[in-house]
């Protein structure tokens, strides 16, 4: 067994010890995870951003235009100064404006137009009819301008069933992904660390 496998197994068991109660082993593993993650992302930031996007273009390509985003990035640190903190509004405004300009069309496509096109299935199929009934009854459920009673109430109640199926499937998917992570860690412990399983 290698030293890397031993360290990974000890840290996995330290994290699992939280199932009993919070203890110093869990806290040490948690702090180690946060510290290693911050160090890792700091190295990536220096290598992929500062060096490759600012220092290398300035030193080798004499691309002086990169000074503008470098200065805007350094202006973010003025938040630490009481007298100059107002200057951070400039890079923040540019960052939020550019982010909104890029993300709003992408989100509109992914969350509205793509969903609308997925709900427009041919009506002569069973799944197309189920989607049509689900969309209409769910919209009726969220229509609060009319009292939900009579036939309108029955349609709204059907919409709640579709919502329950959706929330149940989403919750089940979340639980399934967590259980998959647990199975992966247990497989590591039983196979690589203890050698019990094949």
N, C-alpha and C. Protein backbone atom coordinates (compact mmCIF):
# COMPACT_ATOMS: atom_id res chain seq x y z
N UNK A 1 0.85 -1.18 0.00
CA UNK A 1 0.00 0.00 0.00
C UNK A 1 0.90 1.24 0.00
N UNK A 2 0.56 2.19 -0.86
CA UNK A 2 1.37 3.41 -0.97
C UNK A 2 0.97 4.40 0.12
N UNK A 3 1.86 5.36 0.35
CA UNK A 3 1.61 6.39 1.37
C UNK A 3 0.43 7.27 0.97
N UNK A 4 0.23 7.48 -0.36
CA UNK A 4 -0.90 8.29 -0.83
C UNK A 4 -2.24 7.62 -0.50
N UNK A 5 -2.28 6.30 -0.68
CA UNK A 5 -3.51 5.56 -0.35
C UNK A 5 -3.79 5.62 1.13
N UNK A 6 -2.75 5.50 1.95
CA UNK A 6 -2.92 5.56 3.41
C UNK A 6 -3.44 6.93 3.84
N UNK A 7 -2.86 7.99 3.29
CA UNK A 7 -3.30 9.36 3.65
C UNK A 7 -4.75 9.56 3.22
N UNK A 8 -5.09 9.13 1.98
CA UNK A 8 -6.47 9.29 1.50
C UNK A 8 -7.45 8.51 2.36
N UNK A 9 -7.06 7.30 2.79
CA UNK A 9 -7.96 6.49 3.62
C UNK A 9 -8.15 7.12 5.00
N UNK A 10 -7.06 7.61 5.59
CA UNK A 10 -7.17 8.24 6.92
C UNK A 10 -8.05 9.49 6.84
N UNK A 11 -7.89 10.29 5.80
CA UNK A 11 -8.71 11.49 5.66
C UNK A 11 -10.17 11.14 5.37
N UNK A 12 -10.40 10.08 4.60
CA UNK A 12 -11.77 9.64 4.35
C UNK A 12 -12.44 9.19 5.65
N UNK A 13 -11.73 8.43 6.44
CA UNK A 13 -12.29 7.99 7.73
C UNK A 13 -12.50 9.17 8.68
N UNK A 14 -11.60 10.16 8.61
CA UNK A 14 -11.77 11.35 9.45
C UNK A 14 -13.04 12.11 9.07
N UNK A 15 -13.33 12.20 7.76
CA UNK A 15 -14.56 12.86 7.32
C UNK A 15 -15.78 12.04 7.73
N UNK A 16 -15.69 10.70 7.58
CA UNK A 16 -16.81 9.84 7.98
C UNK A 16 -17.05 9.87 9.48
N UNK A 17 -16.06 10.26 10.27
CA UNK A 17 -16.25 10.29 11.72
C UNK A 17 -17.29 11.33 12.13
N UNK A 18 -17.63 12.25 11.23
CA UNK A 18 -18.68 13.23 11.52
C UNK A 18 -20.04 12.56 11.69
N UNK A 19 -20.21 11.36 11.12
CA UNK A 19 -21.48 10.65 11.27
C UNK A 19 -21.76 10.32 12.73
N UNK A 20 -20.72 10.14 13.52
CA UNK A 20 -20.90 9.91 14.96
C UNK A 20 -21.20 11.22 15.64
N UNK A 21 -20.28 12.17 15.58
CA UNK A 21 -20.49 13.54 16.05
C UNK A 21 -19.29 14.37 15.61
N UNK A 22 -19.43 15.69 15.69
CA UNK A 22 -18.31 16.54 15.30
C UNK A 22 -17.16 16.32 16.27
N UNK A 23 -15.95 16.17 15.72
CA UNK A 23 -14.79 15.85 16.55
C UNK A 23 -13.54 16.49 15.95
N UNK A 24 -12.43 16.47 16.67
CA UNK A 24 -11.20 17.10 16.16
C UNK A 24 -10.68 16.48 14.87
N UNK A 25 -10.88 15.18 14.67
CA UNK A 25 -10.40 14.54 13.44
C UNK A 25 -11.15 15.08 12.22
N UNK A 26 -12.47 15.21 12.38
CA UNK A 26 -13.27 15.76 11.28
C UNK A 26 -12.85 17.20 11.00
N UNK A 27 -12.70 18.00 12.07
CA UNK A 27 -12.34 19.41 11.88
C UNK A 27 -10.97 19.55 11.22
N UNK A 28 -10.02 18.70 11.60
CA UNK A 28 -8.69 18.75 10.99
C UNK A 28 -8.76 18.42 9.50
N UNK A 29 -9.53 17.38 9.16
CA UNK A 29 -9.67 17.01 7.75
C UNK A 29 -10.39 18.11 6.96
N UNK A 30 -11.39 18.72 7.59
CA UNK A 30 -12.12 19.80 6.93
C UNK A 30 -11.21 21.00 6.67
N UNK A 31 -10.42 21.38 7.68
CA UNK A 31 -9.49 22.51 7.52
C UNK A 31 -8.43 22.18 6.48
N UNK A 32 -7.97 20.94 6.47
CA UNK A 32 -6.98 20.53 5.47
C UNK A 32 -7.55 20.61 4.06
N UNK A 33 -8.81 20.18 3.89
CA UNK A 33 -9.46 20.27 2.58
C UNK A 33 -9.58 21.72 2.12
N UNK A 34 -10.01 22.60 3.02
CA UNK A 34 -10.16 24.00 2.65
C UNK A 34 -8.80 24.62 2.33
N UNK A 35 -7.79 24.33 3.15
CA UNK A 35 -6.46 24.88 2.92
C UNK A 35 -5.84 24.40 1.63
N UNK A 36 -5.94 23.11 1.35
CA UNK A 36 -5.38 22.57 0.11
C UNK A 36 -6.13 23.12 -1.09
N UNK A 37 -7.45 23.26 -0.99
CA UNK A 37 -8.24 23.82 -2.10
C UNK A 37 -7.85 25.26 -2.38
N UNK A 38 -7.70 26.06 -1.33
CA UNK A 38 -7.31 27.46 -1.52
C UNK A 38 -5.92 27.54 -2.13
N UNK A 39 -4.99 26.73 -1.63
CA UNK A 39 -3.64 26.72 -2.20
C UNK A 39 -3.63 26.30 -3.66
N UNK A 40 -4.41 25.27 -3.98
CA UNK A 40 -4.47 24.77 -5.35
C UNK A 40 -5.02 25.83 -6.29
N UNK A 41 -6.13 26.48 -5.88
CA UNK A 41 -6.74 27.49 -6.75
C UNK A 41 -5.89 28.75 -6.82
N UNK A 42 -5.11 29.04 -5.78
CA UNK A 42 -4.20 30.17 -5.83
C UNK A 42 -3.10 29.94 -6.85
N UNK A 43 -2.56 28.72 -6.88
CA UNK A 43 -1.54 28.38 -7.87
C UNK A 43 -2.13 28.46 -9.28
N UNK A 44 -3.35 27.95 -9.46
CA UNK A 44 -3.99 28.04 -10.78
C UNK A 44 -4.22 29.50 -11.16
N UNK A 45 -4.64 30.33 -10.19
CA UNK A 45 -4.85 31.75 -10.47
C UNK A 45 -3.57 32.42 -10.93
N UNK A 46 -2.48 32.15 -10.22
CA UNK A 46 -1.20 32.78 -10.59
C UNK A 46 -0.74 32.28 -11.95
N UNK A 47 -0.82 30.96 -12.17
CA UNK A 47 -0.32 30.38 -13.42
C UNK A 47 -1.20 30.73 -14.62
N UNK A 48 -2.53 30.54 -14.46
CA UNK A 48 -3.42 30.69 -15.61
C UNK A 48 -3.88 32.13 -15.86
N UNK A 49 -3.84 32.97 -14.83
CA UNK A 49 -4.34 34.34 -15.02
C UNK A 49 -3.20 35.35 -15.01
N UNK A 50 -2.51 35.44 -13.88
CA UNK A 50 -1.50 36.50 -13.75
C UNK A 50 -0.34 36.28 -14.71
N UNK A 51 0.18 35.05 -14.75
CA UNK A 51 1.34 34.80 -15.60
C UNK A 51 0.95 34.73 -17.08
N UNK A 52 -0.05 33.91 -17.43
CA UNK A 52 -0.34 33.69 -18.84
C UNK A 52 -1.14 34.82 -19.49
N UNK A 53 -1.95 35.54 -18.71
CA UNK A 53 -2.79 36.58 -19.31
C UNK A 53 -2.23 38.00 -19.13
N UNK A 54 -1.30 38.20 -18.17
CA UNK A 54 -0.77 39.54 -17.93
C UNK A 54 0.74 39.59 -18.14
N UNK A 55 1.48 38.82 -17.35
CA UNK A 55 2.95 38.94 -17.37
C UNK A 55 3.54 38.49 -18.70
N UNK A 56 3.13 37.34 -19.22
CA UNK A 56 3.70 36.84 -20.48
C UNK A 56 3.37 37.76 -21.67
N UNK A 57 2.10 38.21 -21.84
CA UNK A 57 1.86 39.13 -22.96
C UNK A 57 2.62 40.45 -22.83
N UNK A 58 2.82 40.93 -21.60
CA UNK A 58 3.58 42.17 -21.43
C UNK A 58 5.06 41.95 -21.70
N UNK A 59 5.62 40.85 -21.19
CA UNK A 59 7.06 40.63 -21.30
C UNK A 59 7.49 40.19 -22.69
N UNK A 60 6.74 39.28 -23.30
CA UNK A 60 7.20 38.69 -24.56
C UNK A 60 6.55 39.30 -25.79
N UNK A 61 5.26 39.65 -25.69
CA UNK A 61 4.55 40.15 -26.87
C UNK A 61 4.43 41.67 -26.90
N UNK A 62 4.82 42.34 -25.85
CA UNK A 62 4.65 43.79 -25.71
C UNK A 62 3.20 44.20 -26.01
N UNK A 63 2.27 43.40 -25.51
CA UNK A 63 0.85 43.67 -25.68
C UNK A 63 0.40 44.55 -24.51
N UNK A 64 0.47 45.87 -24.71
CA UNK A 64 0.24 46.81 -23.62
C UNK A 64 -1.23 46.96 -23.25
N UNK A 65 -2.12 46.44 -24.07
CA UNK A 65 -3.55 46.59 -23.78
C UNK A 65 -3.95 45.79 -22.53
N UNK A 66 -3.15 44.77 -22.16
CA UNK A 66 -3.49 43.97 -20.98
C UNK A 66 -3.28 44.75 -19.69
N UNK A 67 -2.68 45.90 -19.77
CA UNK A 67 -2.52 46.74 -18.57
C UNK A 67 -3.90 47.19 -18.06
N UNK A 68 -4.84 47.43 -18.97
CA UNK A 68 -6.17 47.91 -18.56
C UNK A 68 -6.88 46.90 -17.67
N UNK A 69 -7.04 45.62 -18.08
CA UNK A 69 -7.69 44.68 -17.16
C UNK A 69 -6.86 44.40 -15.91
N UNK A 70 -5.52 44.50 -16.02
CA UNK A 70 -4.68 44.29 -14.83
C UNK A 70 -4.93 45.40 -13.80
N UNK A 71 -5.03 46.63 -14.27
CA UNK A 71 -5.29 47.76 -13.36
C UNK A 71 -6.70 47.63 -12.78
N UNK A 72 -7.68 47.23 -13.60
CA UNK A 72 -9.03 47.05 -13.09
C UNK A 72 -9.08 45.95 -12.04
N UNK A 73 -8.31 44.89 -12.25
CA UNK A 73 -8.24 43.82 -11.25
C UNK A 73 -7.59 44.29 -9.96
N UNK A 74 -6.54 45.08 -10.08
CA UNK A 74 -5.89 45.60 -8.87
C UNK A 74 -6.78 46.59 -8.14
N UNK A 75 -7.64 47.28 -8.88
CA UNK A 75 -8.56 48.22 -8.23
C UNK A 75 -9.54 47.51 -7.30
N UNK A 76 -9.77 46.23 -7.52
CA UNK A 76 -10.66 45.48 -6.62
C UNK A 76 -10.09 45.43 -5.20
N UNK A 77 -8.77 45.48 -5.08
CA UNK A 77 -8.15 45.44 -3.75
C UNK A 77 -8.30 46.76 -3.00
N UNK A 78 -8.75 47.80 -3.67
CA UNK A 78 -8.98 49.08 -2.99
C UNK A 78 -10.14 49.00 -2.01
N UNK A 79 -10.89 47.91 -2.07
CA UNK A 79 -11.96 47.69 -1.09
C UNK A 79 -11.37 47.65 0.33
N UNK A 80 -10.10 47.30 0.44
CA UNK A 80 -9.44 47.22 1.74
C UNK A 80 -9.08 48.60 2.30
N UNK A 81 -9.16 49.63 1.47
CA UNK A 81 -8.84 50.99 1.91
C UNK A 81 -10.13 51.76 2.17
N UNK A 82 -10.18 52.46 3.29
CA UNK A 82 -11.39 53.22 3.61
C UNK A 82 -11.56 54.42 2.69
N UNK A 83 -10.48 55.08 2.36
CA UNK A 83 -10.57 56.30 1.57
C UNK A 83 -10.81 56.04 0.08
N UNK A 84 -10.35 54.90 -0.42
CA UNK A 84 -10.42 54.63 -1.84
C UNK A 84 -11.39 53.49 -2.19
N UNK A 85 -12.18 53.04 -1.26
CA UNK A 85 -13.07 51.89 -1.50
C UNK A 85 -14.09 52.18 -2.60
N UNK A 86 -14.46 53.44 -2.79
CA UNK A 86 -15.46 53.78 -3.80
C UNK A 86 -14.96 53.45 -5.21
N UNK A 87 -13.65 53.38 -5.42
CA UNK A 87 -13.10 53.10 -6.75
C UNK A 87 -13.36 51.66 -7.20
N UNK A 88 -13.70 50.79 -6.28
CA UNK A 88 -13.99 49.41 -6.68
C UNK A 88 -15.29 49.30 -7.45
N UNK A 89 -16.09 50.36 -7.44
CA UNK A 89 -17.35 50.32 -8.20
C UNK A 89 -17.09 50.25 -9.70
N UNK A 90 -15.98 50.81 -10.16
CA UNK A 90 -15.68 50.82 -11.60
C UNK A 90 -15.46 49.40 -12.13
N UNK A 91 -14.51 48.62 -11.57
CA UNK A 91 -14.36 47.25 -12.10
C UNK A 91 -15.57 46.37 -11.82
N UNK A 92 -16.24 46.60 -10.68
CA UNK A 92 -17.43 45.80 -10.40
C UNK A 92 -18.53 46.06 -11.42
N UNK A 93 -18.71 47.33 -11.79
CA UNK A 93 -19.74 47.67 -12.78
C UNK A 93 -19.41 47.03 -14.13
N UNK A 94 -18.14 47.08 -14.53
CA UNK A 94 -17.75 46.44 -15.79
C UNK A 94 -17.93 44.93 -15.74
N UNK A 95 -17.56 44.34 -14.59
CA UNK A 95 -17.68 42.89 -14.44
C UNK A 95 -19.14 42.44 -14.47
N UNK A 96 -20.00 43.15 -13.73
CA UNK A 96 -21.42 42.79 -13.69
C UNK A 96 -22.08 43.05 -15.04
N UNK A 97 -21.74 44.16 -15.67
CA UNK A 97 -22.33 44.46 -16.98
C UNK A 97 -21.93 43.45 -18.04
N UNK A 98 -20.64 43.12 -18.10
CA UNK A 98 -20.18 42.13 -19.08
C UNK A 98 -20.76 40.75 -18.76
N UNK A 99 -20.81 40.40 -17.47
CA UNK A 99 -21.37 39.11 -17.09
C UNK A 99 -22.84 39.00 -17.45
N UNK A 100 -23.58 40.07 -17.21
CA UNK A 100 -25.00 40.06 -17.56
C UNK A 100 -25.19 39.99 -19.07
N UNK A 101 -24.35 40.73 -19.80
CA UNK A 101 -24.46 40.71 -21.26
C UNK A 101 -24.18 39.34 -21.85
N UNK A 102 -23.28 38.59 -21.22
CA UNK A 102 -22.96 37.26 -21.72
C UNK A 102 -23.97 36.23 -21.22
N UNK A 103 -24.36 36.33 -19.94
CA UNK A 103 -25.16 35.25 -19.34
C UNK A 103 -26.65 35.36 -19.63
N UNK A 104 -27.19 36.56 -19.80
CA UNK A 104 -28.64 36.68 -20.02
C UNK A 104 -29.08 35.98 -21.31
N UNK A 105 -28.42 36.20 -22.45
CA UNK A 105 -28.85 35.43 -23.64
C UNK A 105 -28.66 33.92 -23.48
N UNK A 106 -27.56 33.51 -22.82
CA UNK A 106 -27.33 32.08 -22.62
C UNK A 106 -28.40 31.48 -21.71
N UNK A 107 -28.74 32.18 -20.62
CA UNK A 107 -29.77 31.68 -19.71
C UNK A 107 -31.15 31.71 -20.37
N UNK A 108 -31.42 32.72 -21.18
CA UNK A 108 -32.69 32.78 -21.89
C UNK A 108 -32.83 31.58 -22.81
N UNK A 109 -31.74 31.23 -23.50
CA UNK A 109 -31.78 30.07 -24.38
C UNK A 109 -31.93 28.78 -23.58
N UNK A 110 -31.12 28.62 -22.53
CA UNK A 110 -31.09 27.35 -21.80
C UNK A 110 -32.34 27.14 -20.94
N UNK A 111 -32.83 28.20 -20.32
CA UNK A 111 -33.90 28.02 -19.33
C UNK A 111 -35.29 28.37 -19.84
N UNK A 112 -35.39 29.10 -20.93
CA UNK A 112 -36.71 29.47 -21.43
C UNK A 112 -36.96 28.82 -22.80
N UNK A 113 -36.16 29.21 -23.78
CA UNK A 113 -36.42 28.74 -25.14
C UNK A 113 -36.22 27.23 -25.28
N UNK A 114 -35.18 26.70 -24.66
CA UNK A 114 -34.93 25.26 -24.75
C UNK A 114 -36.05 24.49 -24.05
N UNK A 115 -36.51 25.00 -22.90
CA UNK A 115 -37.61 24.34 -22.19
C UNK A 115 -38.91 24.41 -22.99
N UNK A 116 -39.14 25.57 -23.63
CA UNK A 116 -40.35 25.70 -24.44
C UNK A 116 -40.32 24.73 -25.62
N UNK A 117 -39.16 24.62 -26.27
CA UNK A 117 -39.09 23.71 -27.43
C UNK A 117 -39.21 22.26 -26.98
N UNK A 118 -38.71 21.93 -25.76
CA UNK A 118 -38.84 20.55 -25.27
C UNK A 118 -40.28 20.22 -24.92
N UNK A 119 -41.09 21.23 -24.57
CA UNK A 119 -42.48 20.95 -24.20
C UNK A 119 -43.40 20.93 -25.42
N UNK A 120 -42.89 21.25 -26.59
CA UNK A 120 -43.71 21.26 -27.80
C UNK A 120 -43.49 19.97 -28.57
N UNK A 121 -43.85 18.86 -27.95
CA UNK A 121 -43.74 17.55 -28.59
C UNK A 121 -44.99 17.30 -29.43
N UNK A 122 -44.91 16.39 -30.39
CA UNK A 122 -46.12 16.05 -31.16
C UNK A 122 -47.22 15.51 -30.25
N UNK A 123 -48.43 15.97 -30.45
CA UNK A 123 -49.54 15.61 -29.57
C UNK A 123 -50.08 14.21 -29.79
N UNK A 124 -49.70 13.56 -30.87
CA UNK A 124 -50.22 12.23 -31.13
C UNK A 124 -49.46 11.14 -30.38
N UNK A 125 -48.44 11.52 -29.58
CA UNK A 125 -47.74 10.54 -28.75
C UNK A 125 -48.22 10.64 -27.31
N UNK A 126 -48.02 9.57 -26.56
CA UNK A 126 -48.43 9.56 -25.15
C UNK A 126 -47.60 10.57 -24.36
N UNK A 127 -46.29 10.59 -24.60
CA UNK A 127 -45.45 11.52 -23.85
C UNK A 127 -45.79 12.96 -24.20
N UNK A 128 -46.17 13.23 -25.47
CA UNK A 128 -46.57 14.58 -25.85
C UNK A 128 -47.83 15.02 -25.12
N UNK A 129 -48.79 14.12 -24.97
CA UNK A 129 -50.03 14.44 -24.24
C UNK A 129 -49.75 14.66 -22.75
N UNK A 130 -48.86 13.83 -22.18
CA UNK A 130 -48.53 13.99 -20.75
C UNK A 130 -47.85 15.33 -20.51
N UNK A 131 -46.92 15.70 -21.40
CA UNK A 131 -46.23 16.99 -21.27
C UNK A 131 -47.23 18.13 -21.41
N UNK A 132 -48.13 18.04 -22.36
CA UNK A 132 -49.13 19.10 -22.56
C UNK A 132 -50.03 19.25 -21.34
N UNK A 133 -50.52 18.14 -20.81
CA UNK A 133 -51.37 18.20 -19.62
C UNK A 133 -50.57 18.74 -18.43
N UNK A 134 -49.33 18.29 -18.28
CA UNK A 134 -48.49 18.76 -17.17
C UNK A 134 -48.22 20.24 -17.23
N UNK A 135 -47.88 20.75 -18.42
CA UNK A 135 -47.59 22.19 -18.56
C UNK A 135 -48.84 23.02 -18.28
N UNK A 136 -49.97 22.64 -18.86
CA UNK A 136 -51.20 23.43 -18.69
C UNK A 136 -51.68 23.40 -17.24
N UNK A 137 -51.71 22.22 -16.62
CA UNK A 137 -52.22 22.15 -15.24
C UNK A 137 -51.26 22.81 -14.25
N UNK A 138 -49.98 22.76 -14.52
CA UNK A 138 -49.03 23.45 -13.62
C UNK A 138 -49.18 24.96 -13.74
N UNK A 139 -49.37 25.45 -14.96
CA UNK A 139 -49.60 26.89 -15.13
C UNK A 139 -50.90 27.29 -14.44
N UNK A 140 -51.93 26.46 -14.55
CA UNK A 140 -53.20 26.75 -13.87
C UNK A 140 -53.00 26.79 -12.36
N UNK A 141 -52.17 25.90 -11.82
CA UNK A 141 -51.92 25.92 -10.38
C UNK A 141 -51.32 27.26 -9.93
N UNK A 142 -50.46 27.85 -10.75
CA UNK A 142 -49.82 29.12 -10.38
C UNK A 142 -50.64 30.34 -10.81
N UNK A 143 -51.84 30.14 -11.32
CA UNK A 143 -52.71 31.24 -11.68
C UNK A 143 -53.58 31.58 -10.46
N UNK A 144 -53.18 32.61 -9.72
CA UNK A 144 -53.82 32.92 -8.45
C UNK A 144 -54.89 34.00 -8.56
N UNK A 145 -55.17 34.47 -9.78
CA UNK A 145 -56.16 35.52 -9.93
C UNK A 145 -57.59 34.98 -9.89
N UNK A 146 -57.75 33.69 -9.85
CA UNK A 146 -59.08 33.08 -9.83
C UNK A 146 -59.10 32.06 -8.70
N UNK A 147 -60.25 31.94 -8.07
CA UNK A 147 -60.43 30.97 -6.99
C UNK A 147 -60.27 29.56 -7.55
N UNK A 148 -59.50 28.72 -6.86
CA UNK A 148 -59.24 27.37 -7.36
C UNK A 148 -60.30 26.42 -6.80
N UNK A 149 -61.44 26.42 -7.46
CA UNK A 149 -62.54 25.54 -7.07
C UNK A 149 -63.26 25.06 -8.32
N UNK A 150 -64.02 24.00 -8.16
CA UNK A 150 -64.72 23.43 -9.31
C UNK A 150 -63.74 22.75 -10.26
N UNK A 151 -64.04 22.81 -11.57
CA UNK A 151 -63.17 22.18 -12.57
C UNK A 151 -61.79 22.83 -12.58
N UNK A 152 -61.74 24.16 -12.29
CA UNK A 152 -60.46 24.86 -12.24
C UNK A 152 -59.62 24.34 -11.08
N UNK A 153 -60.26 24.03 -9.97
CA UNK A 153 -59.55 23.48 -8.82
C UNK A 153 -59.01 22.08 -9.10
N UNK A 154 -59.80 21.26 -9.84
CA UNK A 154 -59.32 19.92 -10.19
C UNK A 154 -58.08 19.99 -11.08
N UNK A 155 -58.10 20.93 -12.04
CA UNK A 155 -56.93 21.10 -12.90
C UNK A 155 -55.72 21.58 -12.09
N UNK A 156 -55.95 22.51 -11.15
CA UNK A 156 -54.85 23.00 -10.31
C UNK A 156 -54.29 21.88 -9.44
N UNK A 157 -55.18 21.01 -8.92
CA UNK A 157 -54.72 19.89 -8.10
C UNK A 157 -53.90 18.91 -8.94
N UNK A 158 -54.30 18.71 -10.19
CA UNK A 158 -53.50 17.87 -11.09
C UNK A 158 -52.12 18.49 -11.31
N UNK A 159 -52.07 19.81 -11.40
CA UNK A 159 -50.77 20.50 -11.52
C UNK A 159 -49.89 20.27 -10.32
N UNK A 160 -50.50 20.21 -9.12
CA UNK A 160 -49.68 19.93 -7.93
C UNK A 160 -49.10 18.53 -7.98
N UNK A 161 -49.82 17.57 -8.56
CA UNK A 161 -49.28 16.22 -8.69
C UNK A 161 -48.06 16.21 -9.63
N UNK A 162 -48.16 16.95 -10.71
CA UNK A 162 -47.00 17.05 -11.61
C UNK A 162 -45.82 17.70 -10.90
N UNK A 163 -46.11 18.74 -10.10
CA UNK A 163 -45.03 19.38 -9.34
C UNK A 163 -44.42 18.41 -8.33
N UNK A 164 -45.26 17.59 -7.67
CA UNK A 164 -44.73 16.62 -6.70
C UNK A 164 -43.84 15.60 -7.38
N UNK A 165 -44.25 15.15 -8.57
CA UNK A 165 -43.41 14.20 -9.31
C UNK A 165 -42.08 14.84 -9.67
N UNK A 166 -42.12 16.11 -10.10
CA UNK A 166 -40.88 16.80 -10.45
C UNK A 166 -39.97 16.95 -9.24
N UNK A 167 -40.52 17.43 -8.11
CA UNK A 167 -39.69 17.61 -6.92
C UNK A 167 -39.17 16.27 -6.39
N UNK A 168 -40.00 15.23 -6.46
CA UNK A 168 -39.54 13.91 -6.03
C UNK A 168 -38.42 13.38 -6.90
N UNK A 169 -38.54 13.57 -8.22
CA UNK A 169 -37.48 13.11 -9.12
C UNK A 169 -36.20 13.91 -8.89
N UNK A 170 -36.33 15.22 -8.65
CA UNK A 170 -35.14 16.04 -8.39
C UNK A 170 -34.47 15.61 -7.08
N UNK A 171 -35.27 15.39 -6.04
CA UNK A 171 -34.72 14.94 -4.77
C UNK A 171 -34.07 13.57 -4.92
N UNK A 172 -34.73 12.67 -5.66
CA UNK A 172 -34.16 11.34 -5.88
C UNK A 172 -32.85 11.40 -6.63
N UNK A 173 -32.76 12.29 -7.62
CA UNK A 173 -31.51 12.45 -8.36
C UNK A 173 -30.40 12.97 -7.45
N UNK A 174 -30.73 13.92 -6.57
CA UNK A 174 -29.74 14.45 -5.64
C UNK A 174 -29.26 13.37 -4.69
N UNK A 175 -30.20 12.60 -4.12
CA UNK A 175 -29.82 11.51 -3.22
C UNK A 175 -28.98 10.48 -3.95
N UNK A 176 -29.37 10.16 -5.19
CA UNK A 176 -28.62 9.17 -5.96
C UNK A 176 -27.18 9.63 -6.20
N UNK A 177 -26.98 10.92 -6.49
CA UNK A 177 -25.62 11.40 -6.72
C UNK A 177 -24.80 11.34 -5.44
N UNK A 178 -25.43 11.64 -4.29
CA UNK A 178 -24.71 11.55 -3.01
C UNK A 178 -24.37 10.10 -2.68
N UNK A 179 -25.31 9.19 -2.94
CA UNK A 179 -25.06 7.77 -2.68
C UNK A 179 -23.95 7.26 -3.61
N UNK A 180 -23.91 7.75 -4.83
CA UNK A 180 -22.83 7.36 -5.75
C UNK A 180 -21.48 7.79 -5.21
N UNK A 181 -21.40 9.00 -4.65
CA UNK A 181 -20.15 9.44 -4.02
C UNK A 181 -19.78 8.54 -2.85
N UNK A 182 -20.78 8.18 -2.03
CA UNK A 182 -20.53 7.29 -0.89
C UNK A 182 -20.03 5.93 -1.37
N UNK A 183 -20.65 5.40 -2.41
CA UNK A 183 -20.22 4.10 -2.93
C UNK A 183 -18.78 4.19 -3.44
N UNK A 184 -18.44 5.27 -4.09
CA UNK A 184 -17.06 5.44 -4.57
C UNK A 184 -16.05 5.45 -3.43
N UNK A 185 -16.38 6.15 -2.34
CA UNK A 185 -15.46 6.19 -1.19
C UNK A 185 -15.38 4.83 -0.50
N UNK A 186 -16.53 4.15 -0.37
CA UNK A 186 -16.52 2.83 0.26
C UNK A 186 -15.75 1.83 -0.60
N UNK A 187 -15.89 1.94 -1.90
CA UNK A 187 -15.14 1.06 -2.79
C UNK A 187 -13.65 1.30 -2.65
N UNK A 188 -13.27 2.58 -2.53
CA UNK A 188 -11.85 2.90 -2.32
C UNK A 188 -11.35 2.28 -1.02
N UNK A 189 -12.13 2.44 0.06
CA UNK A 189 -11.69 1.90 1.35
C UNK A 189 -11.57 0.38 1.32
N UNK A 190 -12.57 -0.30 0.72
CA UNK A 190 -12.57 -1.76 0.73
C UNK A 190 -11.61 -2.36 -0.29
N UNK A 191 -11.34 -1.68 -1.37
CA UNK A 191 -10.48 -2.23 -2.43
C UNK A 191 -9.03 -1.78 -2.26
N UNK A 192 -8.81 -0.49 -2.34
CA UNK A 192 -7.43 0.02 -2.33
C UNK A 192 -6.80 0.01 -0.95
N UNK A 193 -7.59 0.35 0.08
CA UNK A 193 -7.02 0.49 1.42
C UNK A 193 -6.96 -0.86 2.14
N UNK A 194 -8.09 -1.53 2.26
CA UNK A 194 -8.12 -2.79 3.03
C UNK A 194 -7.84 -4.01 2.16
N UNK A 195 -8.08 -3.93 0.87
CA UNK A 195 -7.87 -5.07 -0.01
C UNK A 195 -8.85 -6.21 0.21
N UNK A 196 -10.00 -5.91 0.79
CA UNK A 196 -11.01 -6.96 1.07
C UNK A 196 -11.71 -7.38 -0.20
N UNK A 197 -12.04 -6.39 -1.05
CA UNK A 197 -12.78 -6.68 -2.28
C UNK A 197 -11.78 -6.66 -3.44
N UNK A 198 -11.90 -7.64 -4.34
CA UNK A 198 -11.13 -7.93 -5.49
C UNK A 198 -10.22 -7.00 -6.09
